[in-house]
Amino acid sequence: MRSLFVCILVFVGTHQLVCLDEIGQCVSLIEQVAEGYLGCFKDIENTMLPSKTVKSIPDLTLKKCQQQCQGYTFLGLQYSNECFCGNNLNTDRYKSVPESDCNMKCSGENRMCGSGHRNSVYRGICL
């Protein structure tokens, strides 16, 4: 049986080449030029990225959240130790806010990991 893979070029500031299988699941990241940071967004009751939620992650880093969100389109770092995953980003409902609103450092690295009801949002990548 033959598998069908489609590779697409995704532009988020710079570019990354992602391969998807026949049902649209991310199967490999060919080239990563940027981490895909999209900005700081206001969340409402932790529903911005509702597909998967992992809280109280010890020593949270972007890489740990990427691993949790493998196969999802977007991920959000929140409250220094929380990771949210989803496939849709509704920027009409969940508005971009100033970067200063995402003012809590990740518990595992020197990067901002959102704040209370604030997500540091990234485009997900395959691992």
N, C-alpha and C. Protein backbone atom coordinates (compact mmCIF):
# COMPACT_ATOMS: atom_id res chain seq x y z
N MET A 1 0.83 -1.17 0.00
CA MET A 1 0.00 0.00 0.00
C MET A 1 0.88 1.24 0.00
N ARG A 2 0.54 2.19 -0.81
CA ARG A 2 1.32 3.40 -0.98
C ARG A 2 0.75 4.53 -0.13
N SER A 3 1.62 5.28 0.55
CA SER A 3 1.19 6.44 1.34
C SER A 3 1.36 7.70 0.52
N LEU A 4 0.44 8.60 0.70
CA LEU A 4 0.49 9.88 0.01
C LEU A 4 0.95 10.95 0.99
N PHE A 5 1.99 11.68 0.64
CA PHE A 5 2.46 12.76 1.48
C PHE A 5 2.46 14.04 0.65
N VAL A 6 2.02 15.12 1.25
CA VAL A 6 2.01 16.42 0.61
C VAL A 6 2.87 17.33 1.45
N CYS A 7 3.78 18.03 0.81
CA CYS A 7 4.63 18.98 1.53
C CYS A 7 4.17 20.39 1.20
N ILE A 8 4.01 21.21 2.22
CA ILE A 8 3.56 22.58 2.01
C ILE A 8 4.56 23.54 2.64
N LEU A 9 4.64 24.71 2.06
CA LEU A 9 5.50 25.76 2.59
C LEU A 9 4.62 26.69 3.40
N VAL A 10 4.92 26.84 4.68
CA VAL A 10 4.13 27.67 5.57
C VAL A 10 4.91 28.95 5.85
N PHE A 11 4.28 30.09 5.64
CA PHE A 11 4.95 31.36 5.91
C PHE A 11 4.45 31.94 7.21
N VAL A 12 5.35 32.08 8.17
CA VAL A 12 5.07 32.76 9.43
C VAL A 12 6.31 33.58 9.71
N GLY A 13 6.38 34.76 9.17
CA GLY A 13 7.58 35.57 9.28
C GLY A 13 8.62 35.08 8.28
N THR A 14 9.16 33.91 8.52
CA THR A 14 10.04 33.28 7.54
C THR A 14 9.29 32.04 7.04
N HIS A 15 9.96 30.92 6.84
CA HIS A 15 9.21 29.78 6.32
C HIS A 15 9.65 28.48 6.95
N GLN A 16 8.78 27.51 6.83
CA GLN A 16 9.11 26.15 7.21
C GLN A 16 8.37 25.20 6.26
N LEU A 17 8.97 24.09 5.94
CA LEU A 17 8.38 23.13 5.03
C LEU A 17 7.88 21.95 5.84
N VAL A 18 6.59 21.67 5.74
CA VAL A 18 5.93 20.64 6.54
C VAL A 18 5.31 19.61 5.61
N CYS A 19 5.43 18.33 5.96
CA CYS A 19 4.80 17.27 5.18
C CYS A 19 3.59 16.72 5.93
N LEU A 20 2.49 16.53 5.21
CA LEU A 20 1.26 16.02 5.77
C LEU A 20 0.93 14.69 5.12
N ASP A 21 0.27 13.79 5.88
CA ASP A 21 -0.15 12.51 5.30
C ASP A 21 -1.49 12.68 4.60
N GLU A 22 -2.07 11.57 4.13
CA GLU A 22 -3.29 11.63 3.33
C GLU A 22 -4.50 12.19 4.07
N ILE A 23 -4.49 12.20 5.40
CA ILE A 23 -5.62 12.77 6.13
C ILE A 23 -5.26 14.11 6.76
N GLY A 24 -4.13 14.68 6.36
CA GLY A 24 -3.76 16.01 6.81
C GLY A 24 -3.00 16.08 8.11
N GLN A 25 -2.54 14.94 8.64
CA GLN A 25 -1.74 14.95 9.86
C GLN A 25 -0.29 15.29 9.53
N CYS A 26 0.30 16.08 10.37
CA CYS A 26 1.68 16.48 10.20
C CYS A 26 2.60 15.27 10.44
N VAL A 27 3.45 14.96 9.49
CA VAL A 27 4.32 13.80 9.65
C VAL A 27 5.80 14.15 9.74
N SER A 28 6.22 15.28 9.22
CA SER A 28 7.64 15.65 9.36
C SER A 28 7.85 17.12 9.06
N LEU A 29 8.83 17.67 9.71
CA LEU A 29 9.25 19.03 9.46
C LEU A 29 10.56 18.93 8.68
N ILE A 30 10.54 19.38 7.45
CA ILE A 30 11.71 19.26 6.59
C ILE A 30 12.74 20.34 6.92
N GLU A 31 12.27 21.56 7.08
CA GLU A 31 13.19 22.67 7.35
C GLU A 31 12.49 23.65 8.27
N GLN A 32 13.18 24.04 9.30
CA GLN A 32 12.61 25.04 10.20
C GLN A 32 13.53 26.23 10.23
N VAL A 33 13.01 27.38 9.81
CA VAL A 33 13.82 28.58 9.78
C VAL A 33 13.49 29.49 10.96
N ALA A 34 12.24 29.48 11.40
CA ALA A 34 11.83 30.29 12.53
C ALA A 34 10.96 29.45 13.45
N GLU A 35 10.83 29.86 14.69
CA GLU A 35 10.03 29.10 15.64
C GLU A 35 8.54 29.27 15.40
N GLY A 36 8.14 30.23 14.60
CA GLY A 36 6.73 30.41 14.29
C GLY A 36 5.94 31.16 15.35
N TYR A 37 6.56 32.10 16.05
CA TYR A 37 5.86 32.88 17.08
C TYR A 37 4.85 33.81 16.41
N LEU A 38 3.61 33.77 16.88
CA LEU A 38 2.54 34.58 16.30
C LEU A 38 2.14 35.77 17.16
N GLY A 39 2.48 35.75 18.45
CA GLY A 39 2.18 36.89 19.30
C GLY A 39 1.51 36.51 20.60
N CYS A 40 1.17 37.54 21.36
CA CYS A 40 0.50 37.39 22.65
C CYS A 40 -0.99 37.61 22.42
N PHE A 41 -1.82 36.68 22.93
CA PHE A 41 -3.26 36.74 22.70
C PHE A 41 -4.02 36.60 24.01
N LYS A 42 -5.11 37.34 24.12
CA LYS A 42 -6.01 37.24 25.27
C LYS A 42 -6.80 35.95 25.16
N ASP A 43 -6.91 35.22 26.25
CA ASP A 43 -7.68 33.99 26.30
C ASP A 43 -8.93 34.24 27.13
N ILE A 44 -9.94 33.44 26.91
CA ILE A 44 -11.19 33.54 27.67
C ILE A 44 -11.45 32.16 28.25
N GLU A 45 -11.32 32.03 29.55
CA GLU A 45 -11.58 30.75 30.23
C GLU A 45 -10.81 29.57 29.61
N ASN A 46 -9.58 29.82 29.17
CA ASN A 46 -8.71 28.77 28.61
C ASN A 46 -9.35 28.02 27.45
N THR A 47 -10.06 28.74 26.57
CA THR A 47 -10.72 28.09 25.44
C THR A 47 -10.16 28.48 24.08
N MET A 48 -9.10 29.26 24.05
CA MET A 48 -8.54 29.69 22.78
C MET A 48 -8.02 28.50 21.97
N LEU A 49 -7.33 27.59 22.63
CA LEU A 49 -6.78 26.38 22.00
C LEU A 49 -7.26 25.17 22.82
N PRO A 50 -8.50 24.73 22.60
CA PRO A 50 -9.14 23.77 23.50
C PRO A 50 -8.90 22.29 23.21
N SER A 51 -8.19 21.96 22.16
CA SER A 51 -8.07 20.54 21.78
C SER A 51 -7.33 19.70 22.81
N LYS A 52 -6.29 20.29 23.43
CA LYS A 52 -5.51 19.57 24.43
C LYS A 52 -4.95 20.59 25.42
N THR A 53 -5.08 20.30 26.70
CA THR A 53 -4.57 21.17 27.76
C THR A 53 -3.70 20.35 28.69
N VAL A 54 -2.49 20.85 28.95
CA VAL A 54 -1.59 20.21 29.91
C VAL A 54 -1.14 21.30 30.87
N LYS A 55 -1.47 21.13 32.16
CA LYS A 55 -1.13 22.14 33.16
C LYS A 55 -0.06 21.62 34.11
N SER A 56 0.56 22.54 34.81
CA SER A 56 1.58 22.23 35.83
C SER A 56 2.72 21.40 35.26
N ILE A 57 3.24 21.79 34.10
CA ILE A 57 4.37 21.11 33.49
C ILE A 57 5.65 21.58 34.17
N PRO A 58 6.39 20.66 34.81
CA PRO A 58 7.64 21.09 35.44
C PRO A 58 8.65 21.56 34.39
N ASP A 59 9.31 22.66 34.67
CA ASP A 59 10.35 23.18 33.78
C ASP A 59 9.87 23.31 32.33
N LEU A 60 8.71 23.97 32.13
CA LEU A 60 8.13 24.12 30.79
C LEU A 60 9.06 24.89 29.86
N THR A 61 9.24 24.35 28.67
CA THR A 61 9.97 25.01 27.58
C THR A 61 9.09 24.95 26.34
N LEU A 62 9.43 25.74 25.34
CA LEU A 62 8.71 25.68 24.07
C LEU A 62 8.78 24.26 23.50
N LYS A 63 9.95 23.64 23.57
CA LYS A 63 10.11 22.30 23.02
C LYS A 63 9.20 21.28 23.72
N LYS A 64 9.05 21.39 25.05
CA LYS A 64 8.15 20.48 25.76
C LYS A 64 6.71 20.67 25.32
N CYS A 65 6.31 21.91 25.11
CA CYS A 65 4.95 22.18 24.65
C CYS A 65 4.78 21.69 23.21
N GLN A 66 5.79 21.87 22.37
CA GLN A 66 5.73 21.35 21.00
C GLN A 66 5.54 19.84 21.01
N GLN A 67 6.22 19.15 21.92
CA GLN A 67 6.06 17.70 22.02
C GLN A 67 4.65 17.33 22.44
N GLN A 68 4.08 18.07 23.39
CA GLN A 68 2.71 17.82 23.82
C GLN A 68 1.71 18.08 22.69
N CYS A 69 2.02 19.05 21.84
CA CYS A 69 1.09 19.48 20.78
C CYS A 69 1.44 18.89 19.42
N GLN A 70 2.21 17.85 19.38
CA GLN A 70 2.58 17.23 18.10
C GLN A 70 1.32 16.89 17.31
N GLY A 71 1.28 17.32 16.07
CA GLY A 71 0.13 17.05 15.20
C GLY A 71 -0.91 18.15 15.21
N TYR A 72 -0.81 19.11 16.12
CA TYR A 72 -1.74 20.24 16.15
C TYR A 72 -1.14 21.42 15.41
N THR A 73 -1.98 22.30 14.93
CA THR A 73 -1.54 23.45 14.14
C THR A 73 -0.96 24.57 14.99
N PHE A 74 -1.55 24.79 16.17
CA PHE A 74 -1.13 25.90 17.03
C PHE A 74 -0.89 25.42 18.45
N LEU A 75 -0.04 26.16 19.17
CA LEU A 75 0.17 25.88 20.59
C LEU A 75 0.29 27.20 21.33
N GLY A 76 -0.13 27.17 22.58
CA GLY A 76 -0.06 28.36 23.42
C GLY A 76 0.60 28.05 24.74
N LEU A 77 1.54 28.88 25.11
CA LEU A 77 2.20 28.79 26.41
C LEU A 77 1.51 29.79 27.33
N GLN A 78 1.10 29.34 28.52
CA GLN A 78 0.34 30.21 29.41
C GLN A 78 0.75 29.99 30.86
N TYR A 79 0.78 31.06 31.61
CA TYR A 79 0.95 31.05 33.06
C TYR A 79 2.24 30.36 33.53
N SER A 80 3.25 30.39 32.72
CA SER A 80 4.60 29.88 32.98
C SER A 80 4.75 28.37 32.97
N ASN A 81 3.63 27.61 33.12
CA ASN A 81 3.76 26.14 33.16
C ASN A 81 2.58 25.40 32.53
N GLU A 82 1.83 26.09 31.65
CA GLU A 82 0.68 25.48 30.99
C GLU A 82 0.86 25.50 29.49
N CYS A 83 0.35 24.44 28.85
CA CYS A 83 0.48 24.27 27.40
C CYS A 83 -0.90 23.94 26.82
N PHE A 84 -1.31 24.68 25.80
CA PHE A 84 -2.59 24.48 25.14
C PHE A 84 -2.36 24.19 23.66
N CYS A 85 -3.16 23.29 23.09
CA CYS A 85 -3.00 22.89 21.70
C CYS A 85 -4.33 23.02 20.96
N GLY A 86 -4.27 23.32 19.67
CA GLY A 86 -5.49 23.39 18.86
C GLY A 86 -5.17 23.53 17.39
N ASN A 87 -6.20 23.37 16.58
CA ASN A 87 -6.04 23.46 15.12
C ASN A 87 -6.61 24.73 14.53
N ASN A 88 -7.32 25.52 15.32
CA ASN A 88 -7.91 26.76 14.83
C ASN A 88 -7.47 27.92 15.71
N LEU A 89 -7.29 29.07 15.08
CA LEU A 89 -6.91 30.27 15.80
C LEU A 89 -7.90 31.36 15.41
N ASN A 90 -8.89 31.59 16.25
CA ASN A 90 -9.94 32.57 15.99
C ASN A 90 -9.50 33.93 16.51
N THR A 91 -8.86 34.72 15.65
CA THR A 91 -8.34 36.01 16.09
C THR A 91 -9.43 37.08 16.15
N ASP A 92 -10.66 36.78 15.71
CA ASP A 92 -11.77 37.72 15.89
C ASP A 92 -12.23 37.68 17.34
N ARG A 93 -12.29 36.49 17.93
CA ARG A 93 -12.73 36.34 19.31
C ARG A 93 -11.57 36.51 20.30
N TYR A 94 -10.42 35.96 19.97
CA TYR A 94 -9.24 36.00 20.84
C TYR A 94 -8.26 37.00 20.24
N LYS A 95 -8.29 38.19 20.76
CA LYS A 95 -7.54 39.31 20.18
C LYS A 95 -6.07 39.30 20.59
N SER A 96 -5.26 39.79 19.66
CA SER A 96 -3.86 40.04 19.95
C SER A 96 -3.78 41.19 20.96
N VAL A 97 -2.88 41.04 21.91
CA VAL A 97 -2.70 42.07 22.94
C VAL A 97 -1.22 42.46 22.96
N PRO A 98 -0.87 43.55 23.63
CA PRO A 98 0.55 43.96 23.67
C PRO A 98 1.44 42.86 24.24
N GLU A 99 2.65 42.78 23.73
CA GLU A 99 3.62 41.78 24.20
C GLU A 99 3.84 41.87 25.71
N SER A 100 3.70 43.07 26.26
CA SER A 100 3.90 43.25 27.70
C SER A 100 2.86 42.49 28.53
N ASP A 101 1.74 42.09 27.92
CA ASP A 101 0.74 41.27 28.63
C ASP A 101 1.23 39.85 28.87
N CYS A 102 2.10 39.34 28.03
CA CYS A 102 2.69 38.01 28.20
C CYS A 102 3.99 38.20 28.97
N ASN A 103 3.87 38.33 30.29
CA ASN A 103 5.02 38.76 31.08
C ASN A 103 5.51 37.72 32.10
N MET A 104 5.08 36.47 31.97
CA MET A 104 5.56 35.41 32.87
C MET A 104 6.56 34.53 32.12
N LYS A 105 7.75 34.40 32.67
CA LYS A 105 8.76 33.54 32.03
C LYS A 105 8.37 32.08 32.18
N CYS A 106 8.75 31.27 31.19
CA CYS A 106 8.54 29.83 31.27
C CYS A 106 9.29 29.28 32.48
N SER A 107 8.73 28.26 33.09
CA SER A 107 9.36 27.69 34.27
C SER A 107 10.65 26.95 33.94
N GLY A 108 10.89 26.66 32.65
CA GLY A 108 12.07 25.90 32.28
C GLY A 108 13.05 26.59 31.35
N GLU A 109 12.76 27.84 30.96
CA GLU A 109 13.70 28.56 30.08
C GLU A 109 13.41 30.05 30.14
N ASN A 110 14.33 30.83 29.60
CA ASN A 110 14.22 32.28 29.62
C ASN A 110 13.43 32.75 28.39
N ARG A 111 12.15 32.43 28.36
CA ARG A 111 11.24 32.80 27.27
C ARG A 111 9.91 33.13 27.94
N MET A 112 9.16 34.05 27.35
CA MET A 112 7.87 34.39 27.93
C MET A 112 6.84 33.31 27.63
N CYS A 113 6.14 32.91 28.68
CA CYS A 113 5.10 31.87 28.59
C CYS A 113 3.76 32.45 29.00
N GLY A 114 3.34 33.49 28.31
CA GLY A 114 2.03 34.07 28.57
C GLY A 114 1.92 34.71 29.94
N SER A 115 0.71 34.57 30.51
CA SER A 115 0.38 35.11 31.81
C SER A 115 -1.00 34.57 32.15
N GLY A 116 -1.67 35.15 33.14
CA GLY A 116 -3.03 34.74 33.44
C GLY A 116 -3.95 35.09 32.29
N HIS A 117 -4.56 34.09 31.68
CA HIS A 117 -5.45 34.25 30.52
C HIS A 117 -4.77 35.00 29.36
N ARG A 118 -3.50 34.77 29.20
CA ARG A 118 -2.72 35.31 28.08
C ARG A 118 -1.87 34.18 27.53
N ASN A 119 -1.94 33.97 26.22
CA ASN A 119 -1.17 32.92 25.56
C ASN A 119 -0.06 33.51 24.70
N SER A 120 1.13 32.97 24.84
CA SER A 120 2.19 33.20 23.87
C SER A 120 1.98 32.12 22.82
N VAL A 121 1.49 32.52 21.64
CA VAL A 121 1.03 31.56 20.63
C VAL A 121 2.08 31.33 19.55
N TYR A 122 2.25 30.05 19.20
CA TYR A 122 3.18 29.62 18.16
C TYR A 122 2.44 28.74 17.17
N ARG A 123 2.91 28.75 15.94
CA ARG A 123 2.45 27.76 14.99
C ARG A 123 3.14 26.46 15.36
N GLY A 124 2.37 25.39 15.47
CA GLY A 124 2.93 24.09 15.83
C GLY A 124 3.85 23.55 14.75
N ILE A 125 4.79 22.71 15.17
CA ILE A 125 5.66 22.04 14.21
C ILE A 125 5.66 20.56 14.50
N CYS A 126 6.03 19.78 13.52
CA CYS A 126 6.12 18.34 13.70
C CYS A 126 7.45 18.00 14.37
N LEU A 127 7.43 16.99 15.22
CA LEU A 127 8.66 16.53 15.84
C LEU A 127 8.89 15.08 15.46
